[in-house]
Amino acid sequence: MTTPLPVPRPSANGWRLEHSYARLPEVLHVAWKATPVQEPRLVVFNKPLAAALGLDADALAQPENAGLFAGNNPPEGAAPLAQAYAGHQFGGFTVLGDGRALLLGEQITPAGTRFDIQLKGSGPTPFSRGGDGRAALGPMLREYVISEAMHALRIPTTRSLAVTATGEPVFRKETLPGAVLTRVAASHIRVGTFEWVAARRDAQALEALTLHTLQRHYPERAASDTPALELLRAVLEAQASLIARWMLAGFVHGVMNTDNMALSGETIDYGPCAFLDRYHPDTTFSSIDRNGRYAFANQPAVAQWNLARLAESLLPLIDTDETRAVDAATALIHEFPARYEHHHRAGLRAKLGLFHEDSGDHQLAQSLLDWMTLTGADHTNTFRALSSEQAFREPPFADPVFHEWHARWKARLALQSQSATDSLLHMQAHNPVVIPRNHLVEEALTAASDHADLAPLERLLAAIANPFDHSALPPAPFLEPAPPEAPPYRTFCGT
């Protein structure tokens, strides 16, 4: 069992970095340094997050500290390393690793919590597989915007501390300005991390990684007599809750490979992600998801599939008898649909202002979703409208099918002991008024990347900062989907 290092004293600007991950077996990481960049320049800096981490936000936001967030001069206590991991990408097993990222260490907050500090786009590593190790400004700003939106929506997520322009081009299908993202995460341990170790049949490393992950994320389970099974159970529950929250917010991850499933239960990797406008279960946005493997409605089943890959990796630790190990792991994996449904149905009830479960509630909620599918109603705005007591005389609500559903819903609300005002406030606490609309995200990223104009980005970040405040709506353009004549929205990985 790993023993925590002594907590370091704060250094300049509040950094308190240590690196428990570096103490794990060397098969899991490679010490490496970032490739210096020519002209580092802070593009955006997350002062509230910096303060929460115990950092001197005002000092770090100064232009002279841009080199720190580009990897040129990492903070005191940093011990950069590239993490090794594998992953099933669109169902096929691939050896991966941090090909363009470095983990600097773990920042210890004033409360004693630790968070990974990672640089993404910091140059090639031994895992780059011929890649340039760099990142473009647009995709890094996308991660900053969407991860901050997810945090505001109360969905567990990695976050972004800074985006730093490098002053150097990156070459994709076109020449783009380069950037480095500073990512903050509970950890970067993934399902693919365990797949990497399992593929090497390294029992010692697998046991060390399992105990480290339990101590890092689920310490109450670390003393269990069956630590591997307890880890699987804990991750399964965290993912069931997370995916339910994605579905309730209309979030489509877009690339749910096993290397993009964090064992902490946080959303990680914001490549081809987007939010639903028109509600439809089969929605995909990713340009590379041609068969809809990661479509909106498929996300719970994909999560279960990914968890099965984690279970396979843990089998040698679950039981020395392979048959018993498979039986125990399979029984747990089969619990996922019920755990997901528990979280999802509870969330739907909250979105409809229902405080307690009734036998007909799921059918009531599903009827609304079916109507939204048939009419192409906007996902966010439908639930926002239900939370505002509007008259429902305009399209798409001027529909007999909707009015019949509305009458059933009102009758169900009337059965509660809570008042109508209580129900309304309950709904408003669970139905956002605003999401980062896809077309507005693209407009902000294009302005920043192509024209060095940050004003649209700043307006977007301000608009999505308080999504549950129904008393102070952002300007109308932030509340509406793209116009009907807009082409279908597509996203790209950025690598």
Protein backbone atom coordinates (compact mmCIF):
# COMPACT_ATOMS: atom_id res chain seq x y z
CA MET A 1 0.00 0.00 0.00
CA THR A 2 1.40 3.40 -0.98
CA THR A 3 2.24 5.90 1.76
CA PRO A 4 1.50 9.59 1.13
CA LEU A 5 4.48 11.89 0.86
CA PRO A 6 4.82 14.73 3.37
CA VAL A 7 2.81 17.72 2.20
CA PRO A 8 5.27 20.29 0.80
CA ARG A 9 5.36 23.86 2.02
CA PRO A 10 3.92 26.43 -0.38
CA SER A 11 6.44 27.81 -2.86
CA ALA A 12 6.23 30.92 -5.03
CA ASN A 13 2.67 31.89 -5.99
CA GLY A 14 1.14 29.18 -3.83
CA TRP A 15 2.37 26.08 -5.60
CA ARG A 16 2.43 22.97 -3.39
CA LEU A 17 3.26 20.19 -5.81
CA GLU A 18 4.08 16.60 -5.03
CA HIS A 19 3.92 13.55 -7.26
CA SER A 20 2.53 10.36 -5.77
CA TYR A 21 1.91 8.98 -9.27
CA ALA A 22 5.66 9.13 -9.99
CA ARG A 23 6.18 6.63 -7.16
CA LEU A 24 4.20 3.95 -8.99
CA PRO A 25 6.11 1.32 -11.04
CA GLU A 26 7.99 2.76 -14.00
CA VAL A 27 5.90 0.79 -16.47
CA LEU A 28 3.20 3.43 -15.87
CA HIS A 29 5.15 6.58 -16.76
CA VAL A 30 8.23 8.13 -18.31
CA ALA A 31 9.96 11.21 -16.92
CA TRP A 32 10.05 13.84 -19.66
CA LYS A 33 10.37 17.57 -20.25
CA ALA A 34 8.22 19.93 -22.26
CA THR A 35 9.58 21.32 -25.50
CA PRO A 36 10.06 25.08 -25.00
CA VAL A 37 7.99 27.41 -27.17
CA GLN A 38 9.03 30.69 -28.79
CA GLU A 39 6.54 33.28 -27.60
CA PRO A 40 4.29 32.08 -24.77
CA ARG A 41 1.29 34.32 -24.15
CA LEU A 42 -1.63 33.75 -21.79
CA VAL A 43 -4.87 33.78 -23.75
CA VAL A 44 -7.27 32.93 -20.91
CA PHE A 45 -6.57 32.32 -17.24
CA ASN A 46 -9.07 30.89 -14.76
CA LYS A 47 -8.68 33.07 -11.67
CA PRO A 48 -11.49 31.45 -9.61
CA LEU A 49 -10.03 28.00 -10.19
CA ALA A 50 -6.54 29.23 -9.36
CA ALA A 51 -7.78 30.67 -6.08
CA ALA A 52 -9.57 27.41 -5.22
CA LEU A 53 -6.30 25.56 -5.78
CA GLY A 54 -4.57 27.82 -3.29
CA LEU A 55 -2.61 29.70 -5.95
CA ASP A 56 -1.92 33.43 -6.15
CA ALA A 57 -4.32 34.08 -9.02
CA ASP A 58 -3.43 37.72 -9.59
CA ALA A 59 0.30 37.03 -9.72
CA LEU A 60 0.00 34.01 -12.02
CA ALA A 61 -2.23 35.93 -14.43
CA GLN A 62 0.59 38.35 -15.19
CA PRO A 63 2.12 38.11 -18.69
CA GLU A 64 5.55 37.12 -17.39
CA ASN A 65 4.12 33.82 -16.10
CA ALA A 66 2.99 32.63 -19.54
CA GLY A 67 6.13 30.51 -19.85
CA LEU A 68 5.11 28.51 -16.79
CA PHE A 69 1.84 27.46 -18.45
CA ALA A 70 3.57 26.68 -21.73
CA GLY A 71 6.07 24.33 -20.10
CA ASN A 72 9.13 26.56 -20.58
CA ASN A 73 9.71 27.00 -16.85
CA PRO A 74 7.47 24.70 -14.75
CA PRO A 75 6.71 25.64 -11.14
CA GLU A 76 8.83 24.58 -8.21
CA GLY A 77 8.15 20.98 -7.22
CA ALA A 78 7.06 19.87 -10.70
CA ALA A 79 8.35 16.51 -11.90
CA PRO A 80 6.99 16.25 -15.45
CA LEU A 81 6.14 12.81 -16.75
CA ALA A 82 4.18 11.26 -19.59
CA GLN A 83 1.65 8.69 -18.46
CA ALA A 84 1.40 5.33 -20.16
CA TYR A 85 -2.00 3.90 -21.05
CA ALA A 86 -3.80 1.95 -23.72
CA GLY A 87 -7.38 2.13 -24.91
CA HIS A 88 -10.17 0.68 -26.96
CA GLN A 89 -10.82 3.28 -29.64
CA PHE A 90 -14.11 2.67 -31.45
CA GLY A 91 -13.87 -0.91 -30.19
CA GLY A 92 -10.31 -1.65 -31.28
CA PHE A 93 -7.44 -2.03 -28.79
CA THR A 94 -4.59 0.46 -29.25
CA VAL A 95 -1.40 1.26 -27.33
CA LEU A 96 -1.45 4.96 -26.54
CA GLY A 97 0.08 7.04 -23.73
CA ASP A 98 0.48 10.79 -23.33
CA GLY A 99 1.66 11.72 -26.80
CA ARG A 100 1.28 15.45 -26.26
CA ALA A 101 0.78 15.92 -22.53
CA LEU A 102 2.85 16.00 -19.36
CA LEU A 103 1.69 15.55 -15.78
CA LEU A 104 3.58 18.13 -13.69
CA GLY A 105 2.41 16.83 -10.33
CA GLU A 106 -0.42 17.13 -7.83
CA GLN A 107 -1.32 20.50 -6.36
CA ILE A 108 -2.25 20.23 -2.69
CA THR A 109 -5.01 22.72 -1.91
CA PRO A 110 -5.35 24.53 1.44
CA ALA A 111 -8.04 21.96 2.31
CA GLY A 112 -5.62 19.10 1.67
CA THR A 113 -7.23 17.89 -1.56
CA ARG A 114 -4.92 17.03 -4.42
CA PHE A 115 -5.45 17.80 -8.10
CA ASP A 116 -3.37 16.79 -11.10
CA ILE A 117 -1.81 19.66 -13.03
CA GLN A 118 -1.25 18.62 -16.64
CA LEU A 119 0.06 20.46 -19.69
CA LYS A 120 -1.66 19.41 -22.93
CA GLY A 121 0.13 20.29 -26.16
CA SER A 122 3.55 20.61 -24.51
CA GLY A 123 5.53 18.77 -27.21
CA PRO A 124 6.37 15.21 -28.27
CA THR A 125 6.95 12.40 -25.79
CA PRO A 126 8.03 8.76 -26.17
CA PHE A 127 4.33 7.98 -26.76
CA SER A 128 3.81 10.44 -29.62
CA ARG A 129 3.88 7.77 -32.36
CA GLY A 130 5.19 10.23 -34.91
CA GLY A 131 2.92 13.09 -33.84
CA ASP A 132 4.15 16.62 -33.24
CA GLY A 133 3.00 16.67 -29.60
CA ARG A 134 1.37 20.03 -30.10
CA ALA A 135 -2.19 21.38 -29.88
CA ALA A 136 -4.04 24.08 -31.77
CA LEU A 137 -5.56 27.11 -30.08
CA GLY A 138 -9.16 26.42 -31.14
CA PRO A 139 -9.46 22.91 -29.63
CA MET A 140 -7.77 24.03 -26.41
CA LEU A 141 -10.20 26.93 -26.06
CA ARG A 142 -13.05 24.50 -26.74
CA GLU A 143 -11.93 22.39 -23.78
CA TYR A 144 -11.70 25.51 -21.62
CA VAL A 145 -15.24 26.64 -22.54
CA ILE A 146 -16.98 23.27 -22.34
CA SER A 147 -15.27 22.12 -19.16
CA GLU A 148 -16.23 25.38 -17.46
CA ALA A 149 -19.80 24.95 -18.71
CA MET A 150 -19.89 21.41 -17.33
CA HIS A 151 -18.60 22.63 -13.97
CA ALA A 152 -21.30 25.30 -13.87
CA LEU A 153 -23.88 22.64 -14.76
CA ARG A 154 -22.70 20.63 -11.71
CA ILE A 155 -21.44 17.75 -13.84
CA PRO A 156 -18.16 16.21 -12.57
CA THR A 157 -15.40 17.33 -14.91
CA THR A 158 -11.76 18.08 -15.38
CA ARG A 159 -11.22 21.82 -15.60
CA SER A 160 -8.94 24.25 -17.39
CA LEU A 161 -6.62 26.61 -15.54
CA ALA A 162 -5.13 28.36 -18.56
CA VAL A 163 -4.75 28.37 -22.32
CA THR A 164 -1.40 29.70 -23.50
CA ALA A 165 -0.57 30.59 -27.08
CA THR A 166 2.85 29.32 -28.15
CA GLY A 167 3.65 31.76 -30.94
CA GLU A 168 4.28 28.74 -33.16
CA PRO A 169 2.12 27.15 -35.87
CA VAL A 170 0.76 23.62 -35.81
CA PHE A 171 0.03 21.79 -39.02
CA ARG A 172 -3.17 19.83 -39.44
CA LYS A 173 -5.33 20.08 -42.57
CA GLU A 174 -4.37 23.72 -42.42
CA THR A 175 -1.85 25.82 -40.52
CA LEU A 176 -3.22 26.84 -37.11
CA PRO A 177 -1.93 28.83 -34.13
CA GLY A 178 -0.50 26.61 -31.42
CA ALA A 179 -1.46 26.53 -27.75
CA VAL A 180 -0.97 24.65 -24.50
CA LEU A 181 -3.85 23.86 -22.14
CA THR A 182 -3.27 23.55 -18.39
CA ARG A 183 -5.73 20.91 -17.28
CA VAL A 184 -6.77 20.31 -13.67
CA ALA A 185 -8.18 16.90 -12.76
CA ALA A 186 -8.91 14.74 -9.75
CA SER A 187 -6.49 12.44 -11.57
CA HIS A 188 -5.72 11.22 -15.08
CA ILE A 189 -6.10 7.53 -14.23
CA ARG A 190 -8.24 5.95 -16.94
CA VAL A 191 -9.71 2.58 -17.81
CA GLY A 192 -6.94 2.52 -20.41
CA THR A 193 -4.31 2.87 -17.68
CA PHE A 194 -5.42 -0.48 -16.28
CA GLU A 195 -5.61 -1.98 -19.76
CA TRP A 196 -1.97 -0.96 -20.33
CA VAL A 197 -0.79 -2.80 -17.22
CA ALA A 198 -3.04 -5.82 -17.79
CA ALA A 199 -1.73 -6.23 -21.34
CA ARG A 200 1.79 -6.49 -19.91
CA ARG A 201 0.71 -9.06 -17.29
CA ASP A 202 2.53 -7.04 -14.64
CA ALA A 203 0.85 -8.24 -11.45
CA GLN A 204 2.90 -6.01 -9.16
CA ALA A 205 2.11 -2.86 -11.14
CA LEU A 206 -1.57 -3.80 -11.38
CA GLU A 207 -1.84 -4.22 -7.62
CA ALA A 208 0.04 -0.97 -6.97
CA LEU A 209 -2.16 0.96 -9.41
CA THR A 210 -5.33 -0.50 -7.90
CA LEU A 211 -4.38 0.47 -4.34
CA HIS A 212 -3.17 3.90 -5.45
CA THR A 213 -6.46 4.58 -7.25
CA LEU A 214 -8.51 3.48 -4.26
CA GLN A 215 -6.52 5.68 -1.89
CA ARG A 216 -6.72 8.61 -4.28
CA HIS A 217 -10.43 8.48 -5.08
CA TYR A 218 -12.24 6.00 -2.83
CA PRO A 219 -10.19 5.86 0.40
CA GLU A 220 -13.14 4.49 2.38
CA ARG A 221 -12.84 1.30 0.31
CA ALA A 222 -9.05 0.95 0.40
CA ALA A 223 -8.99 -1.39 3.42
CA SER A 224 -11.35 -3.90 1.79
CA ASP A 225 -10.38 -7.57 1.62
CA THR A 226 -11.36 -7.43 -2.08
CA PRO A 227 -9.82 -4.13 -3.24
CA ALA A 228 -10.09 -4.80 -6.99
CA LEU A 229 -13.77 -5.65 -6.74
CA GLU A 230 -14.35 -2.61 -4.52
CA LEU A 231 -12.60 -0.39 -7.07
CA LEU A 232 -14.78 -1.76 -9.87
CA ARG A 233 -17.92 -1.23 -7.78
CA ALA A 234 -16.95 2.34 -6.92
CA VAL A 235 -16.07 3.29 -10.50
CA LEU A 236 -19.27 1.70 -11.78
CA GLU A 237 -21.36 3.81 -9.43
CA ALA A 238 -19.44 6.99 -10.28
CA GLN A 239 -19.86 6.40 -14.00
CA ALA A 240 -23.56 5.54 -13.68
CA SER A 241 -24.10 8.89 -11.98
CA LEU A 242 -21.90 10.77 -14.45
CA ILE A 243 -23.50 9.39 -17.61
CA ALA A 244 -26.97 10.08 -16.20
CA ARG A 245 -25.96 13.71 -15.72
CA TRP A 246 -24.68 13.88 -19.30
CA MET A 247 -28.00 12.57 -20.57
CA LEU A 248 -30.03 14.95 -18.41
CA ALA A 249 -28.06 17.92 -19.75
CA GLY A 250 -28.12 16.75 -23.37
CA PHE A 251 -24.34 16.37 -23.54
CA VAL A 252 -22.77 14.20 -26.24
CA HIS A 253 -19.15 13.28 -25.46
CA GLY A 254 -18.39 12.11 -28.96
CA VAL A 255 -15.39 9.87 -28.30
CA MET A 256 -16.06 7.53 -25.38
CA ASN A 257 -12.99 5.40 -25.86
CA THR A 258 -11.71 3.59 -22.78
CA ASP A 259 -8.76 5.99 -22.56
CA ASN A 260 -11.33 8.77 -22.12
CA MET A 261 -13.07 7.21 -19.11
CA ALA A 262 -11.54 8.50 -15.87
CA LEU A 263 -11.76 6.30 -12.78
CA SER A 264 -12.44 9.41 -10.70
CA GLY A 265 -15.87 9.74 -12.33
CA GLU A 266 -15.00 13.05 -14.00
CA THR A 267 -15.70 13.94 -17.61
CA ILE A 268 -12.37 14.00 -19.44
CA ASP A 269 -11.31 14.95 -22.97
CA TYR A 270 -13.40 17.54 -24.78
CA GLY A 271 -12.62 16.78 -28.40
CA PRO A 272 -15.66 16.24 -30.65
CA CYS A 273 -18.19 17.02 -27.93
CA ALA A 274 -21.37 19.11 -28.16
CA PHE A 275 -24.79 19.70 -26.60
CA LEU A 276 -28.13 18.78 -28.08
CA ASP A 277 -30.23 21.49 -29.66
CA ARG A 278 -33.04 19.50 -31.27
CA TYR A 279 -33.68 16.45 -29.13
CA HIS A 280 -33.09 13.11 -30.81
CA PRO A 281 -31.62 9.96 -29.26
CA ASP A 282 -29.57 9.12 -32.37
CA THR A 283 -27.72 12.44 -32.45
CA THR A 284 -24.01 12.35 -33.21
CA PHE A 285 -21.72 15.31 -33.81
CA SER A 286 -18.30 13.73 -34.26
CA SER A 287 -17.05 13.65 -37.85
CA ILE A 288 -15.29 10.32 -37.21
CA ASP A 289 -18.24 8.52 -35.57
CA ARG A 290 -19.69 7.42 -38.89
CA ASN A 291 -21.68 4.48 -37.48
CA GLY A 292 -23.06 6.27 -34.41
CA ARG A 293 -21.21 4.13 -31.87
CA TYR A 294 -21.10 7.10 -29.50
CA ALA A 295 -24.50 8.60 -30.34
CA PHE A 296 -26.36 10.34 -27.53
CA ALA A 297 -28.62 7.41 -26.61
CA ASN A 298 -25.76 4.91 -26.81
CA GLN A 299 -23.69 6.54 -24.06
CA PRO A 300 -24.99 4.42 -21.15
CA ALA A 301 -24.37 1.16 -23.05
CA VAL A 302 -20.90 2.32 -24.09
CA ALA A 303 -20.08 3.16 -20.48
CA GLN A 304 -21.05 -0.37 -19.46
CA TRP A 305 -18.90 -1.78 -22.28
CA ASN A 306 -15.94 0.30 -21.10
CA LEU A 307 -16.44 -0.86 -17.53
CA ALA A 308 -16.34 -4.44 -18.75
CA ARG A 309 -12.86 -3.72 -20.15
CA LEU A 310 -11.84 -2.43 -16.71
CA ALA A 311 -13.25 -5.58 -15.14
CA GLU A 312 -11.21 -7.75 -17.53
CA SER A 313 -8.06 -5.87 -16.54
CA LEU A 314 -8.76 -6.46 -12.84
CA LEU A 315 -9.55 -10.18 -13.06
CA PRO A 316 -6.15 -11.39 -11.74
CA LEU A 317 -6.73 -9.37 -8.56
CA ILE A 318 -10.41 -10.21 -8.10
CA ASP A 319 -9.81 -13.93 -7.56
CA THR A 320 -7.00 -16.39 -8.22
CA ASP A 321 -9.59 -18.72 -9.72
CA GLU A 322 -10.41 -17.29 -13.15
CA THR A 323 -13.95 -18.67 -13.24
CA ARG A 324 -14.81 -17.14 -9.87
CA ALA A 325 -13.19 -13.87 -10.91
CA VAL A 326 -15.20 -13.71 -14.14
CA ASP A 327 -18.43 -14.56 -12.32
CA ALA A 328 -17.89 -11.86 -9.68
CA ALA A 329 -16.93 -9.20 -12.23
CA THR A 330 -19.79 -10.11 -14.57
CA ALA A 331 -22.33 -9.89 -11.77
CA LEU A 332 -21.12 -6.38 -10.99
CA ILE A 333 -21.10 -5.21 -14.60
CA HIS A 334 -24.69 -6.44 -14.96
CA GLU A 335 -25.67 -4.02 -12.18
CA PHE A 336 -24.78 -0.99 -14.28
CA PRO A 337 -28.09 -0.55 -16.16
CA ALA A 338 -30.06 -0.51 -12.92
CA ARG A 339 -27.66 1.94 -11.27
CA TYR A 340 -27.76 4.21 -14.32
CA GLU A 341 -31.56 4.09 -14.44
CA HIS A 342 -31.70 4.95 -10.75
CA HIS A 343 -29.72 8.14 -11.31
CA HIS A 344 -31.35 9.03 -14.62
CA ARG A 345 -34.93 8.58 -13.42
CA ALA A 346 -34.22 10.58 -10.27
CA GLY A 347 -32.84 13.36 -12.45
CA LEU A 348 -35.84 13.32 -14.77
CA ARG A 349 -38.19 13.55 -11.80
CA ALA A 350 -36.29 16.59 -10.57
CA LYS A 351 -36.46 18.19 -14.01
CA LEU A 352 -40.23 17.72 -13.90
CA GLY A 353 -40.59 19.09 -10.37
CA LEU A 354 -41.39 15.73 -8.79
CA PHE A 355 -40.07 15.16 -5.28
CA HIS A 356 -40.93 11.50 -4.83
CA GLU A 357 -41.22 8.48 -7.09
CA ASP A 358 -44.53 7.22 -8.41
CA SER A 359 -45.02 4.14 -10.55
CA GLY A 360 -46.08 6.18 -13.57
CA ASP A 361 -43.30 8.77 -13.44
CA HIS A 362 -40.93 7.06 -15.86
CA GLN A 363 -43.66 6.66 -18.48
CA LEU A 364 -44.63 10.30 -18.00
CA ALA A 365 -41.06 11.47 -18.57
CA GLN A 366 -40.55 9.12 -21.50
CA SER A 367 -43.71 10.42 -23.16
CA LEU A 368 -42.26 13.92 -23.08
CA LEU A 369 -38.97 12.73 -24.58
CA ASP A 370 -40.87 10.84 -27.30
CA TRP A 371 -42.81 14.00 -28.16
CA MET A 372 -39.56 15.98 -28.27
CA THR A 373 -38.08 13.39 -30.64
CA LEU A 374 -41.04 13.56 -33.01
CA THR A 375 -41.24 17.35 -33.05
CA GLY A 376 -37.55 18.17 -32.89
CA ALA A 377 -38.14 20.33 -29.82
CA ASP A 378 -35.10 21.97 -28.28
CA HIS A 379 -33.87 19.94 -25.32
CA THR A 380 -32.78 22.74 -23.00
CA ASN A 381 -35.55 25.17 -23.89
CA THR A 382 -38.32 22.59 -23.46
CA PHE A 383 -37.40 21.98 -19.84
CA ARG A 384 -36.71 25.69 -19.30
CA ALA A 385 -40.23 26.45 -20.56
CA LEU A 386 -41.74 23.92 -18.16
CA SER A 387 -39.85 25.69 -15.36
CA SER A 388 -41.26 29.11 -16.22
CA GLU A 389 -45.05 28.62 -16.20
CA GLN A 390 -45.40 29.97 -19.71
CA ALA A 391 -48.69 29.72 -21.61
CA PHE A 392 -47.50 27.16 -24.20
CA ARG A 393 -49.41 28.77 -27.07
CA GLU A 394 -46.46 29.02 -29.48
CA PRO A 395 -44.80 26.25 -31.54
CA PRO A 396 -43.75 23.62 -30.82
CA PHE A 397 -46.00 23.62 -27.73
CA ALA A 398 -49.19 24.49 -29.65
CA ASP A 399 -49.72 20.81 -30.24
CA PRO A 400 -52.62 18.63 -28.97
CA VAL A 401 -50.20 15.83 -28.10
CA PHE A 402 -48.16 18.16 -25.90
CA HIS A 403 -51.28 19.64 -24.26
CA GLU A 404 -52.50 16.14 -23.41
CA TRP A 405 -49.11 15.37 -21.84
CA HIS A 406 -49.13 18.72 -20.04
CA ALA A 407 -52.48 17.93 -18.44
CA ARG A 408 -51.17 14.56 -17.18
CA TRP A 409 -48.07 16.26 -15.78
CA LYS A 410 -50.13 18.90 -13.96
CA ALA A 411 -52.33 16.18 -12.48
CA ARG A 412 -49.22 14.36 -11.23
CA LEU A 413 -47.87 17.57 -9.66
CA ALA A 414 -51.20 18.08 -7.89
CA LEU A 415 -50.74 14.77 -6.04
CA GLN A 416 -47.67 16.06 -4.20
CA SER A 417 -47.74 17.54 -0.74
CA GLN A 418 -45.30 20.23 -1.85
CA SER A 419 -46.71 23.46 -3.22
CA ALA A 420 -46.65 24.53 -6.86
CA THR A 421 -44.00 27.09 -5.93
CA ASP A 422 -41.86 24.40 -4.35
CA SER A 423 -42.11 22.31 -7.51
CA LEU A 424 -41.23 25.27 -9.68
CA LEU A 425 -38.13 26.08 -7.63
CA HIS A 426 -37.15 22.41 -7.69
CA MET A 427 -37.33 22.42 -11.47
CA GLN A 428 -35.38 25.63 -11.79
CA ALA A 429 -32.61 24.14 -9.67
CA HIS A 430 -32.30 21.25 -12.14
CA ASN A 431 -33.07 22.80 -15.53
CA PRO A 432 -30.45 25.19 -16.90
CA VAL A 433 -31.54 28.27 -18.77
CA VAL A 434 -28.43 28.26 -20.92
CA ILE A 435 -25.88 25.84 -22.36
CA PRO A 436 -22.87 26.57 -24.59
CA ARG A 437 -24.77 26.56 -27.88
CA ASN A 438 -22.71 24.81 -30.54
CA HIS A 439 -22.85 27.55 -33.15
CA LEU A 440 -21.85 30.19 -30.59
CA VAL A 441 -18.92 28.06 -29.43
CA GLU A 442 -17.72 27.84 -33.03
CA GLU A 443 -18.12 31.56 -33.55
CA ALA A 444 -16.10 32.31 -30.41
CA LEU A 445 -13.33 29.85 -31.30
CA THR A 446 -13.08 31.13 -34.87
CA ALA A 447 -12.85 34.73 -33.70
CA ALA A 448 -10.12 33.87 -31.20
CA SER A 449 -8.13 31.57 -33.47
CA ASP A 450 -8.42 33.37 -36.79
CA HIS A 451 -8.68 37.00 -35.73
CA ALA A 452 -7.19 37.15 -32.19
CA ASP A 453 -10.55 38.51 -31.05
CA LEU A 454 -11.41 37.25 -27.56
CA ALA A 455 -14.56 39.32 -27.08
CA PRO A 456 -17.02 36.62 -28.31
CA LEU A 457 -15.28 34.05 -26.09
CA GLU A 458 -15.50 36.31 -23.05
CA ARG A 459 -19.20 37.01 -23.69
CA LEU A 460 -19.90 33.29 -24.02
CA LEU A 461 -18.06 32.44 -20.80
CA ALA A 462 -20.02 35.14 -18.96
CA ALA A 463 -23.34 33.88 -20.36
CA ILE A 464 -22.83 30.26 -19.26
CA ALA A 465 -21.38 31.03 -15.82
CA ASN A 466 -24.70 30.76 -13.89
CA PRO A 467 -26.89 28.36 -15.85
CA PHE A 468 -29.46 27.80 -13.07
CA ASP A 469 -30.21 31.47 -12.43
CA HIS A 470 -33.72 31.80 -13.87
CA SER A 471 -34.05 35.34 -12.57
CA ALA A 472 -31.29 36.85 -14.71
CA LEU A 473 -31.35 35.41 -18.21
CA PRO A 474 -28.41 36.10 -20.51
CA PRO A 475 -29.08 37.95 -23.77
CA ALA A 476 -31.48 36.20 -26.17
CA PRO A 477 -28.83 35.00 -28.66
CA PHE A 478 -27.34 32.74 -25.97
CA LEU A 479 -30.69 31.05 -25.35
CA GLU A 480 -31.58 29.89 -28.83
CA PRO A 481 -30.28 27.10 -31.08
CA ALA A 482 -28.74 27.73 -34.48
CA PRO A 483 -31.25 28.88 -37.09
CA PRO A 484 -33.11 26.12 -38.97
CA GLU A 485 -31.22 26.83 -42.19
CA ALA A 486 -27.84 26.20 -40.52
CA PRO A 487 -25.99 23.09 -41.77
CA PRO A 488 -25.76 20.02 -39.50
CA TYR A 489 -23.22 20.60 -36.76
CA ARG A 490 -19.99 18.58 -36.93
CA THR A 491 -17.04 18.46 -34.55
CA PHE A 492 -13.50 17.25 -34.99
CA CYS A 493 -10.85 15.78 -32.69
CA GLY A 494 -8.21 18.47 -33.19
CA THR A 495 -5.29 16.03 -33.37
